[in-house]
Amino acid sequence: MSALQLSHDELVNVYRTMRTIRRFEERVMQEMGTGDIPGNTHLYAGQEASAVGVCLQLRDDDYISSTHRGHGHSIAKGV
């Protein structure tokens, strides 16, 4: 299997998407800590590269399905 070749702009976009996912997860954790978001959640922090890597290969009209840790996949797909 050959390595995926990405341009500089694509690599920057991958990094930005991973940072967006991490910032979202950190904000969810913060809001849950203050009680502004009640209930439970399963955070995706630390797994950002998995979602970004998979979704990078998808077309705009491809569907994704996730489990209880779906925030990262949704953000990586462009929600």
C-alpha atoms as a PDB file:
ATOM      1  CA  MET A   1       0.000   0.000   0.000  1.00  0.00           C
ATOM      2  CA  SER A   2       1.413   3.387  -0.939  1.00  0.00           C
ATOM      3  CA  ALA A   3       1.363   6.458   1.263  1.00  0.00           C
ATOM      4  CA  LEU A   4      -1.218   9.132   0.579  1.00  0.00           C
ATOM      5  CA  GLN A   5       0.368  12.164  -1.059  1.00  0.00           C
ATOM      6  CA  LEU A   6      -1.101  15.457   0.182  1.00  0.00           C
ATOM      7  CA  SER A   7      -0.296  18.986  -0.873  1.00  0.00           C
ATOM      8  CA  HIS A   8       0.737  21.622   1.658  1.00  0.00           C
ATOM      9  CA  ASP A   9      -2.779  23.131   1.578  1.00  0.00           C
ATOM     10  CA  GLU A  10      -4.371  19.713   2.134  1.00  0.00           C
ATOM     11  CA  LEU A  11      -2.078  19.048   5.089  1.00  0.00           C
ATOM     12  CA  VAL A  12      -2.971  22.419   6.604  1.00  0.00           C
ATOM     13  CA  ASN A  13      -6.668  21.597   6.149  1.00  0.00           C
ATOM     14  CA  VAL A  14      -6.178  18.215   7.851  1.00  0.00           C
ATOM     15  CA  TYR A  15      -4.493  19.912  10.808  1.00  0.00           C
ATOM     16  CA  ARG A  16      -7.184  22.595  11.044  1.00  0.00           C
ATOM     17  CA  THR A  17      -9.928  19.993  11.026  1.00  0.00           C
ATOM     18  CA  MET A  18      -8.217  18.022  13.787  1.00  0.00           C
ATOM     19  CA  ARG A  19      -7.860  21.232  15.833  1.00  0.00           C
ATOM     20  CA  THR A  20     -11.532  22.071  15.246  1.00  0.00           C
ATOM     21  CA  ILE A  21     -12.556  18.665  16.562  1.00  0.00           C
ATOM     22  CA  ARG A  22     -10.302  19.047  19.622  1.00  0.00           C
ATOM     23  CA  ARG A  23     -11.594  22.565  20.372  1.00  0.00           C
ATOM     24  CA  PHE A  24     -15.176  21.330  20.087  1.00  0.00           C
ATOM     25  CA  GLU A  25     -14.492  18.465  22.481  1.00  0.00           C
ATOM     26  CA  GLU A  26     -12.757  20.770  24.960  1.00  0.00           C
ATOM     27  CA  ARG A  27     -15.725  23.143  24.845  1.00  0.00           C
ATOM     28  CA  VAL A  28     -18.206  20.321  25.399  1.00  0.00           C
ATOM     29  CA  MET A  29     -16.162  19.166  28.407  1.00  0.00           C
ATOM     30  CA  GLN A  30     -16.083  22.732  29.762  1.00  0.00           C
ATOM     31  CA  GLU A  31     -19.827  23.266  29.314  1.00  0.00           C
ATOM     32  CA  MET A  32     -20.625  19.926  30.920  1.00  0.00           C
ATOM     33  CA  GLY A  33     -18.391  20.832  33.855  1.00  0.00           C
ATOM     34  CA  THR A  34     -20.364  24.015  34.490  1.00  0.00           C
ATOM     35  CA  GLY A  35     -23.685  22.219  34.042  1.00  0.00           C
ATOM     36  CA  ASP A  36     -24.624  24.214  30.940  1.00  0.00           C
ATOM     37  CA  ILE A  37     -24.872  20.930  29.017  1.00  0.00           C
ATOM     38  CA  PRO A  38     -26.604  18.351  31.203  1.00  0.00           C
ATOM     39  CA  GLY A  39     -26.262  14.605  30.880  1.00  0.00           C
ATOM     40  CA  ASN A  40     -23.458  12.374  29.705  1.00  0.00           C
ATOM     41  CA  THR A  41     -21.232  12.314  26.665  1.00  0.00           C
ATOM     42  CA  HIS A  42     -18.425  10.214  25.253  1.00  0.00           C
ATOM     43  CA  LEU A  43     -15.740  12.606  24.087  1.00  0.00           C
ATOM     44  CA  TYR A  44     -13.671  12.101  20.941  1.00  0.00           C
ATOM     45  CA  ALA A  45     -10.534  13.924  22.138  1.00  0.00           C
ATOM     46  CA  GLY A  46      -7.393  12.024  21.195  1.00  0.00           C
ATOM     47  CA  GLN A  47      -8.978  10.308  18.214  1.00  0.00           C
ATOM     48  CA  GLU A  48      -9.158  13.273  15.836  1.00  0.00           C
ATOM     49  CA  ALA A  49      -6.774  11.833  13.233  1.00  0.00           C
ATOM     50  CA  SER A  50      -8.954   8.743  12.753  1.00  0.00           C
ATOM     51  CA  ALA A  51     -12.013  10.735  11.748  1.00  0.00           C
ATOM     52  CA  VAL A  52     -10.078  13.174   9.589  1.00  0.00           C
ATOM     53  CA  GLY A  53      -8.152  10.416   7.817  1.00  0.00           C
ATOM     54  CA  VAL A  54     -11.266   8.422   7.000  1.00  0.00           C
ATOM     55  CA  CYS A  55     -13.396  11.392   5.974  1.00  0.00           C
ATOM     56  CA  LEU A  56     -10.585  12.776   3.808  1.00  0.00           C
ATOM     57  CA  GLN A  57     -11.166   9.856   1.449  1.00  0.00           C
ATOM     58  CA  LEU A  58     -14.946  10.297   1.228  1.00  0.00           C
ATOM     59  CA  ARG A  59     -16.872  12.097  -1.489  1.00  0.00           C
ATOM     60  CA  ASP A  60     -19.356  14.826  -0.554  1.00  0.00           C
ATOM     61  CA  ASP A  61     -22.268  12.467  -1.287  1.00  0.00           C
ATOM     62  CA  ASP A  62     -20.862   9.577   0.798  1.00  0.00           C
ATOM     63  CA  TYR A  63     -22.618   8.730   4.039  1.00  0.00           C
ATOM     64  CA  ILE A  64     -20.996   8.010   7.369  1.00  0.00           C
ATOM     65  CA  SER A  65     -22.244   6.088  10.357  1.00  0.00           C
ATOM     66  CA  SER A  66     -20.778   6.458  13.798  1.00  0.00           C
ATOM     67  CA  THR A  67     -21.316   5.273  17.333  1.00  0.00           C
ATOM     68  CA  HIS A  68     -21.616   7.117  20.622  1.00  0.00           C
ATOM     69  CA  ARG A  69     -18.418   9.073  19.846  1.00  0.00           C
ATOM     70  CA  GLY A  70     -19.683  10.673  16.656  1.00  0.00           C
ATOM     71  CA  HIS A  71     -18.673  14.307  17.131  1.00  0.00           C
ATOM     72  CA  GLY A  72     -15.330  13.898  15.378  1.00  0.00           C
ATOM     73  CA  HIS A  73     -16.762  12.093  12.378  1.00  0.00           C
ATOM     74  CA  SER A  74     -19.487  14.685  11.942  1.00  0.00           C
ATOM     75  CA  ILE A  75     -17.053  17.604  12.098  1.00  0.00           C
ATOM     76  CA  ALA A  76     -14.562  15.887   9.782  1.00  0.00           C
ATOM     77  CA  LYS A  77     -17.356  15.285   7.258  1.00  0.00           C
ATOM     78  CA  GLY A  78     -18.200  18.971   7.333  1.00  0.00           C
ATOM     79  CA  VAL A  79     -21.279  19.234   9.533  1.00  0.00           C
END
